[in-house]
C-alpha atoms as a PDB file:
ATOM      1  CA  UNK A   1      67.604  16.590 118.898  1.00  0.00           C
ATOM      2  CA  UNK A   2      70.087  16.340 116.028  1.00  0.00           C
ATOM      3  CA  UNK A   3      73.722  15.746 116.886  1.00  0.00           C
ATOM      4  CA  UNK A   4      76.302  18.362 115.887  1.00  0.00           C
ATOM      5  CA  UNK A   5      78.228  17.406 112.762  1.00  0.00           C
ATOM      6  CA  UNK A   6      81.289  19.505 113.543  1.00  0.00           C
ATOM      7  CA  UNK A   7      83.159  17.981 116.470  1.00  0.00           C
ATOM      8  CA  UNK A   8      86.777  17.758 117.535  1.00  0.00           C
ATOM      9  CA  UNK A   9      88.496  14.831 115.835  1.00  0.00           C
ATOM     10  CA  UNK A  10      91.851  13.078 115.968  1.00  0.00           C
ATOM     11  CA  UNK A  11      92.561  13.924 112.323  1.00  0.00           C
ATOM     12  CA  UNK A  12      95.903  15.550 111.594  1.00  0.00           C
ATOM     13  CA  UNK A  13      96.016  19.332 111.332  1.00  0.00           C
ATOM     14  CA  UNK A  14      99.331  19.043 109.474  1.00  0.00           C
ATOM     15  CA  UNK A  15      97.777  16.657 106.924  1.00  0.00           C
ATOM     16  CA  UNK A  16      94.852  19.051 106.410  1.00  0.00           C
ATOM     17  CA  UNK A  17      97.195  21.982 105.772  1.00  0.00           C
ATOM     18  CA  UNK A  18      99.546  19.952 103.556  1.00  0.00           C
ATOM     19  CA  UNK A  19      96.574  18.903 101.400  1.00  0.00           C
ATOM     20  CA  UNK A  20      95.865  22.545 100.442  1.00  0.00           C
ATOM     21  CA  UNK A  21      96.912  22.658  96.785  1.00  0.00           C
ATOM     22  CA  UNK A  22      97.776  26.371  96.561  1.00  0.00           C
ATOM     23  CA  UNK A  23     101.273  26.891  97.996  1.00  0.00           C
ATOM     24  CA  UNK A  24     100.602  30.477  99.092  1.00  0.00           C
ATOM     25  CA  UNK A  25      97.362  29.489 100.856  1.00  0.00           C
ATOM     26  CA  UNK A  26      99.134  26.541 102.504  1.00  0.00           C
ATOM     27  CA  UNK A  27     101.838  28.920 103.805  1.00  0.00           C
ATOM     28  CA  UNK A  28      99.162  31.332 105.101  1.00  0.00           C
ATOM     29  CA  UNK A  29      97.362  28.511 106.912  1.00  0.00           C
ATOM     30  CA  UNK A  30     100.596  27.345 108.560  1.00  0.00           C
ATOM     31  CA  UNK A  31     101.249  30.911 109.728  1.00  0.00           C
ATOM     32  CA  UNK A  32      97.648  31.303 110.893  1.00  0.00           C
ATOM     33  CA  UNK A  33      97.875  28.078 112.914  1.00  0.00           C
ATOM     34  CA  UNK A  34     101.001  29.384 114.667  1.00  0.00           C
ATOM     35  CA  UNK A  35      99.415  32.790 115.283  1.00  0.00           C
ATOM     36  CA  UNK A  36      96.248  31.248 116.763  1.00  0.00           C
ATOM     37  CA  UNK A  37      98.187  28.789 118.930  1.00  0.00           C
ATOM     38  CA  UNK A  38     100.287  31.663 120.289  1.00  0.00           C
ATOM     39  CA  UNK A  39      97.256  33.902 120.883  1.00  0.00           C
ATOM     40  CA  UNK A  40      95.110  31.222 122.551  1.00  0.00           C
ATOM     41  CA  UNK A  41      97.743  29.021 124.230  1.00  0.00           C
ATOM     42  CA  UNK A  42      95.900  25.999 122.742  1.00  0.00           C
ATOM     43  CA  UNK A  43      97.149  23.396 120.309  1.00  0.00           C
ATOM     44  CA  UNK A  44      95.346  23.138 116.964  1.00  0.00           C
ATOM     45  CA  UNK A  45      92.723  20.394 116.624  1.00  0.00           C
ATOM     46  CA  UNK A  46      90.659  19.437 113.603  1.00  0.00           C
ATOM     47  CA  UNK A  47      86.942  20.089 114.040  1.00  0.00           C
ATOM     48  CA  UNK A  48      85.105  18.058 111.436  1.00  0.00           C
ATOM     49  CA  UNK A  49      86.988  17.681 108.187  1.00  0.00           C
ATOM     50  CA  UNK A  50      87.825  21.287 107.397  1.00  0.00           C
ATOM     51  CA  UNK A  51      88.105  23.504 110.485  1.00  0.00           C
ATOM     52  CA  UNK A  52      91.315  23.962 112.473  1.00  0.00           C
ATOM     53  CA  UNK A  53      90.164  24.943 115.945  1.00  0.00           C
ATOM     54  CA  UNK A  54      91.827  26.122 119.132  1.00  0.00           C
ATOM     55  CA  UNK A  55      90.410  25.491 122.582  1.00  0.00           C
ATOM     56  CA  UNK A  56      86.801  24.552 123.197  1.00  0.00           C
ATOM     57  CA  UNK A  57      83.729  25.716 125.014  1.00  0.00           C
ATOM     58  CA  UNK A  58      80.342  24.245 125.792  1.00  0.00           C
ATOM     59  CA  UNK A  59      77.207  26.117 124.780  1.00  0.00           C
ATOM     60  CA  UNK A  60      73.549  25.650 125.570  1.00  0.00           C
ATOM     61  CA  UNK A  61      70.753  27.585 123.911  1.00  0.00           C
ATOM     62  CA  UNK A  62      67.391  28.428 125.465  1.00  0.00           C
ATOM     63  CA  UNK A  63      65.897  25.927 122.981  1.00  0.00           C
ATOM     64  CA  UNK A  64      67.781  23.148 124.773  1.00  0.00           C
ATOM     65  CA  UNK A  65      70.252  22.565 121.945  1.00  0.00           C
ATOM     66  CA  UNK A  66      73.776  22.272 123.288  1.00  0.00           C
ATOM     67  CA  UNK A  67      77.199  21.173 122.209  1.00  0.00           C
ATOM     68  CA  UNK A  68      80.861  21.996 122.028  1.00  0.00           C
ATOM     69  CA  UNK A  69      82.753  24.196 119.608  1.00  0.00           C
ATOM     70  CA  UNK A  70      86.225  25.640 119.239  1.00  0.00           C
ATOM     71  CA  UNK A  71      86.975  29.020 120.827  1.00  0.00           C
ATOM     72  CA  UNK A  72      88.442  30.264 117.539  1.00  0.00           C
ATOM     73  CA  UNK A  73      89.418  28.570 114.314  1.00  0.00           C
ATOM     74  CA  UNK A  74      89.955  28.816 110.591  1.00  0.00           C
ATOM     75  CA  UNK A  75      89.278  26.966 107.386  1.00  0.00           C
ATOM     76  CA  UNK A  76      90.740  27.256 103.912  1.00  0.00           C
ATOM     77  CA  UNK A  77      87.732  27.722 101.640  1.00  0.00           C
ATOM     78  CA  UNK A  78      87.584  28.071  97.873  1.00  0.00           C
ATOM     79  CA  UNK A  79      87.922  31.852  97.678  1.00  0.00           C
ATOM     80  CA  UNK A  80      89.044  32.952 101.110  1.00  0.00           C
ATOM     81  CA  UNK A  81      90.336  31.814 104.446  1.00  0.00           C
ATOM     82  CA  UNK A  82      87.435  31.821 106.905  1.00  0.00           C
ATOM     83  CA  UNK A  83      88.449  32.844 110.411  1.00  0.00           C
ATOM     84  CA  UNK A  84      85.956  31.989 113.137  1.00  0.00           C
ATOM     85  CA  UNK A  85      85.831  34.445 116.015  1.00  0.00           C
ATOM     86  CA  UNK A  86      83.268  35.551 118.552  1.00  0.00           C
ATOM     87  CA  UNK A  87      80.854  38.256 117.455  1.00  0.00           C
ATOM     88  CA  UNK A  88      81.606  40.695 120.244  1.00  0.00           C
ATOM     89  CA  UNK A  89      84.212  41.715 122.785  1.00  0.00           C
ATOM     90  CA  UNK A  90      85.495  45.092 124.005  1.00  0.00           C
ATOM     91  CA  UNK A  91      87.681  46.793 121.385  1.00  0.00           C
ATOM     92  CA  UNK A  92      86.692  44.445 118.529  1.00  0.00           C
ATOM     93  CA  UNK A  93      85.366  47.187 116.233  1.00  0.00           C
ATOM     94  CA  UNK A  94      88.508  49.306 116.681  1.00  0.00           C
ATOM     95  CA  UNK A  95      90.696  46.321 115.806  1.00  0.00           C
ATOM     96  CA  UNK A  96      88.601  45.474 112.743  1.00  0.00           C
ATOM     97  CA  UNK A  97      89.021  49.056 111.524  1.00  0.00           C
ATOM     98  CA  UNK A  98      92.828  48.596 111.623  1.00  0.00           C
ATOM     99  CA  UNK A  99      92.923  45.044 110.237  1.00  0.00           C
ATOM    100  CA  UNK A 100      93.176  45.686 106.510  1.00  0.00           C
ATOM    101  CA  UNK A 101      91.342  44.125 103.556  1.00  0.00           C
ATOM    102  CA  UNK A 102      88.703  41.694 104.848  1.00  0.00           C
ATOM    103  CA  UNK A 103      85.021  40.832 104.680  1.00  0.00           C
ATOM    104  CA  UNK A 104      82.950  40.198 107.755  1.00  0.00           C
ATOM    105  CA  UNK A 105      79.866  38.231 108.679  1.00  0.00           C
ATOM    106  CA  UNK A 106      78.566  38.162 112.254  1.00  0.00           C
ATOM    107  CA  UNK A 107      81.401  36.065 113.708  1.00  0.00           C
ATOM    108  CA  UNK A 108      83.290  35.037 110.603  1.00  0.00           C
ATOM    109  CA  UNK A 109      86.131  37.017 109.107  1.00  0.00           C
ATOM    110  CA  UNK A 110      87.100  36.347 105.492  1.00  0.00           C
ATOM    111  CA  UNK A 111      90.554  37.154 104.155  1.00  0.00           C
ATOM    112  CA  UNK A 112      92.002  36.337 100.751  1.00  0.00           C
ATOM    113  CA  UNK A 113      95.598  36.311 101.984  1.00  0.00           C
ATOM    114  CA  UNK A 114      97.429  37.130 105.207  1.00  0.00           C
ATOM    115  CA  UNK A 115      99.424  39.694 103.243  1.00  0.00           C
ATOM    116  CA  UNK A 116      96.188  41.721 102.927  1.00  0.00           C
ATOM    117  CA  UNK A 117      95.901  42.247 106.677  1.00  0.00           C
ATOM    118  CA  UNK A 118      97.936  43.290 109.706  1.00  0.00           C
ATOM    119  CA  UNK A 119      98.930  40.036 111.473  1.00  0.00           C
ATOM    120  CA  UNK A 120      99.500  41.821 114.800  1.00  0.00           C
ATOM    121  CA  UNK A 121      95.955  43.176 114.715  1.00  0.00           C
ATOM    122  CA  UNK A 122      94.630  39.733 113.755  1.00  0.00           C
ATOM    123  CA  UNK A 123      96.461  38.211 116.712  1.00  0.00           C
ATOM    124  CA  UNK A 124      94.768  40.737 119.015  1.00  0.00           C
ATOM    125  CA  UNK A 125      91.379  39.856 117.484  1.00  0.00           C
ATOM    126  CA  UNK A 126      92.033  36.149 118.004  1.00  0.00           C
ATOM    127  CA  UNK A 127      93.200  36.643 121.603  1.00  0.00           C
ATOM    128  CA  UNK A 128      90.252  38.906 122.453  1.00  0.00           C
ATOM    129  CA  UNK A 129      87.780  36.526 120.889  1.00  0.00           C
ATOM    130  CA  UNK A 130      89.232  33.465 122.632  1.00  0.00           C
ATOM    131  CA  UNK A 131      89.269  35.298 125.957  1.00  0.00           C
ATOM    132  CA  UNK A 132      85.646  36.398 125.584  1.00  0.00           C
ATOM    133  CA  UNK A 133      84.503  32.889 124.642  1.00  0.00           C
ATOM    134  CA  UNK A 134      86.860  31.287 127.136  1.00  0.00           C
ATOM    135  CA  UNK A 135      84.869  32.598 130.032  1.00  0.00           C
ATOM    136  CA  UNK A 136      82.589  29.648 129.266  1.00  0.00           C
ATOM    137  CA  UNK A 137      85.310  27.294 128.029  1.00  0.00           C
ATOM    138  CA  UNK A 138      85.878  23.709 128.956  1.00  0.00           C
ATOM    139  CA  UNK A 139      89.347  22.318 129.389  1.00  0.00           C
ATOM    140  CA  UNK A 140      91.282  21.152 126.362  1.00  0.00           C
ATOM    141  CA  UNK A 141      94.945  20.265 125.929  1.00  0.00           C
ATOM    142  CA  UNK A 142      97.081  23.386 126.073  1.00  0.00           C
ATOM    143  CA  UNK A 143     100.092  24.030 123.872  1.00  0.00           C
END
């Protein structure tokens, strides 16, 4: 079975954020890292080369494929900031309705700028997502 490409690394989260060329996006990513650390009680860790993740959990599919992933995370992409959450937890839909300007895929939230959304609502989404995933979480260094 193929090995997962996206794993926790020892790369610097600060270096990743500082390398973001757009000053406004860099500022948003710093703020997002603080928000996620506060909401999850986990320190940020690079997952692969472009995902800042918080906490970890082990998964195993019926197919036998298994691995580890971050509870929640984000990545600065070309057009948006991708925020990785869990697809479902109680109250998620109500929070999304109050969040502000965003796009949504199954478990990925896309925002252009943090100024487009309500940071308090985002923090609740992050906390709820991490808690829901954390029921199956493994231990990782806490912040």
